[in-house]
């Protein structure tokens, strides 16, 4: 099993504004860092400068969606790489939200979920709290707890 994750952020200003210039400048280097990180499997790639993912969830919503070999691999990238410096500045660029903005879940190796499924997992976390189907670093579930999922069985066919 691999670990899928999505996180979203609501920009304080349009992506081409001076307020977000440092964030936009950091996107490509951080994405390259992720692509080369141990345990990285896949990420949803946008088009053009800044690699913004096009979606139908609102103009000011930034989406990062990726798959990793393990919790440790994702943790190392998020908290032990140059990504941390960008993460620490998130309040400069994004609005604070009172609901979950990141979620993880296990997927069978080789399976790439659609963006819609990722957003559904985030909604599941918001509605039900952490479960083996939608969880966070703080309330983490091992892959063995998610292996029974119908999606996992379907992907193995």
Protein backbone atom coordinates (compact mmCIF):
# COMPACT_ATOMS: atom_id res chain seq x y z
CA UNK A 1 0.00 0.00 0.00
CA UNK A 2 1.06 3.59 -0.66
CA UNK A 3 0.03 6.71 1.21
CA UNK A 4 -2.04 9.29 -0.67
CA UNK A 5 -2.35 12.81 0.67
CA UNK A 6 -4.06 16.00 -0.35
CA UNK A 7 -3.82 19.40 1.22
CA UNK A 8 -5.62 22.52 0.19
CA UNK A 9 -5.09 26.17 1.01
CA UNK A 10 -7.17 29.29 0.42
CA UNK A 11 -4.93 32.04 -0.99
CA UNK A 12 -5.12 35.48 0.59
CA UNK A 13 -4.76 37.10 -2.85
CA UNK A 14 -4.65 36.09 -6.53
CA UNK A 15 -1.69 33.92 -7.49
CA UNK A 16 -0.21 36.70 -9.65
CA UNK A 17 -0.34 39.28 -6.83
CA UNK A 18 2.77 40.69 -5.11
CA UNK A 19 1.52 39.19 -1.80
CA UNK A 20 1.98 35.66 -3.18
CA UNK A 21 5.19 36.26 -5.16
CA UNK A 22 7.43 34.42 -2.68
CA UNK A 23 5.04 31.48 -2.54
CA UNK A 24 4.78 31.23 -6.33
CA UNK A 25 8.57 31.44 -6.61
CA UNK A 26 8.91 28.55 -4.13
CA UNK A 27 6.52 26.16 -5.88
CA UNK A 28 8.81 24.83 -8.59
CA UNK A 29 11.84 24.30 -6.31
CA UNK A 30 9.72 22.57 -3.66
CA UNK A 31 8.05 20.38 -6.28
CA UNK A 32 11.47 19.38 -7.64
CA UNK A 33 12.52 18.56 -4.08
CA UNK A 34 9.44 16.37 -3.67
CA UNK A 35 10.00 14.65 -7.01
CA UNK A 36 13.52 13.69 -5.90
CA UNK A 37 12.65 12.79 -2.29
CA UNK A 38 13.12 9.22 -1.10
CA UNK A 39 9.75 7.46 -1.06
CA UNK A 40 8.04 9.89 -3.43
CA UNK A 41 5.74 8.10 -5.89
CA UNK A 42 3.55 10.61 -7.74
CA UNK A 43 1.98 14.07 -7.60
CA UNK A 44 -0.74 15.82 -9.52
CA UNK A 45 1.06 18.21 -11.84
CA UNK A 46 -0.33 21.52 -12.98
CA UNK A 47 0.56 23.42 -16.10
CA UNK A 48 2.71 26.47 -16.65
CA UNK A 49 4.80 28.54 -14.27
CA UNK A 50 4.09 27.83 -10.65
CA UNK A 51 2.65 24.40 -11.47
CA UNK A 52 -0.85 25.37 -10.25
CA UNK A 53 -3.31 22.50 -10.57
CA UNK A 54 -6.42 23.49 -12.50
CA UNK A 55 -9.66 22.40 -10.80
CA UNK A 56 -13.30 23.30 -10.27
CA UNK A 57 -13.12 23.98 -6.52
CA UNK A 58 -12.62 27.76 -6.58
CA UNK A 59 -10.11 30.22 -8.01
CA UNK A 60 -8.34 30.89 -4.72
CA UNK A 61 -7.87 27.25 -3.73
CA UNK A 62 -4.39 25.75 -4.09
CA UNK A 63 -4.28 21.95 -4.20
CA UNK A 64 -1.34 19.67 -3.51
CA UNK A 65 -2.05 15.98 -4.13
CA UNK A 66 0.63 13.31 -3.95
CA UNK A 67 1.41 9.67 -3.19
CA UNK A 68 4.26 8.37 -1.04
CA UNK A 69 5.65 4.96 -0.21
CA UNK A 70 5.14 5.46 3.51
CA UNK A 71 4.24 7.80 6.34
CA UNK A 72 7.93 8.22 7.15
CA UNK A 73 8.77 9.26 3.59
CA UNK A 74 6.04 11.91 3.59
CA UNK A 75 7.00 13.08 7.11
CA UNK A 76 10.65 13.47 6.12
CA UNK A 77 9.71 15.58 3.11
CA UNK A 78 7.18 17.76 4.96
CA UNK A 79 9.11 18.37 8.18
CA UNK A 80 12.76 17.55 7.51
CA UNK A 81 13.45 19.16 4.12
CA UNK A 82 13.49 22.67 2.67
CA UNK A 83 9.70 22.29 2.38
CA UNK A 84 9.48 23.16 6.08
CA UNK A 85 10.59 26.75 5.46
CA UNK A 86 7.75 27.25 3.01
CA UNK A 87 5.30 25.53 5.34
CA UNK A 88 6.30 27.86 8.18
CA UNK A 89 5.34 30.88 6.06
CA UNK A 90 1.87 29.57 5.10
CA UNK A 91 0.00 32.15 7.21
CA UNK A 92 1.52 34.94 5.09
CA UNK A 93 -0.05 33.51 1.94
CA UNK A 94 -3.13 31.53 3.02
CA UNK A 95 -6.22 32.10 5.12
CA UNK A 96 -6.61 30.25 8.39
CA UNK A 97 -9.38 27.69 8.32
CA UNK A 98 -11.17 26.03 11.21
CA UNK A 99 -11.73 22.75 9.40
CA UNK A 100 -9.35 20.08 8.15
CA UNK A 101 -7.33 21.08 5.10
CA UNK A 102 -5.23 17.96 4.74
CA UNK A 103 -6.07 14.26 4.66
CA UNK A 104 -4.28 10.98 4.05
CA UNK A 105 -5.46 7.51 3.09
CA UNK A 106 -3.93 4.27 1.83
CA UNK A 107 -4.13 3.22 -1.81
CA UNK A 108 -2.93 0.00 -3.44
CA UNK A 109 0.53 0.32 -4.97
CA UNK A 110 0.14 1.48 -8.57
CA UNK A 111 -3.31 3.06 -8.03
CA UNK A 112 -3.62 6.79 -8.72
CA UNK A 113 -6.87 8.17 -7.28
CA UNK A 114 -8.77 10.90 -9.09
CA UNK A 115 -8.83 14.41 -7.65
CA UNK A 116 -12.54 13.95 -6.91
CA UNK A 117 -11.77 10.98 -4.66
CA UNK A 118 -9.16 13.02 -2.81
CA UNK A 119 -11.65 15.81 -2.18
CA UNK A 120 -14.20 13.22 -1.02
CA UNK A 121 -11.65 11.91 1.50
CA UNK A 122 -11.19 15.43 2.83
CA UNK A 123 -14.97 15.81 3.16
CA UNK A 124 -15.12 12.44 4.94
CA UNK A 125 -12.53 13.62 7.45
CA UNK A 126 -14.51 16.82 8.01
CA UNK A 127 -17.77 14.91 8.50
CA UNK A 128 -16.61 11.91 10.55
CA UNK A 129 -13.21 12.78 11.96
CA UNK A 130 -10.22 10.48 11.55
CA UNK A 131 -10.99 6.94 10.36
CA UNK A 132 -8.91 4.34 8.48
CA UNK A 133 -10.39 5.83 5.29
CA UNK A 134 -9.41 9.46 6.04
CA UNK A 135 -6.82 10.48 8.62
CA UNK A 136 -3.96 12.85 9.49
CA UNK A 137 -0.43 12.65 10.85
CA UNK A 138 -1.84 13.30 14.32
CA UNK A 139 -4.50 10.57 14.08
CA UNK A 140 -2.73 8.10 11.84
CA UNK A 141 -3.93 4.65 10.74
CA UNK A 142 -1.62 1.89 9.56
CA UNK A 143 -2.14 0.46 6.07
CA UNK A 144 -3.31 -2.85 7.53
CA UNK A 145 -6.31 -1.02 8.97
CA UNK A 146 -7.33 0.15 5.48
CA UNK A 147 -6.55 -3.04 3.51
CA UNK A 148 -10.12 -4.32 3.68
CA UNK A 149 -11.44 -1.29 1.80
CA UNK A 150 -13.45 -2.06 -1.35
CA UNK A 151 -11.29 0.33 -3.39
CA UNK A 152 -8.21 -1.67 -2.44
CA UNK A 153 -9.85 -4.92 -3.46
CA UNK A 154 -11.10 -3.40 -6.72
CA UNK A 155 -7.65 -2.09 -7.65
CA UNK A 156 -6.09 -5.53 -7.12
CA UNK A 157 -8.37 -7.12 -9.75
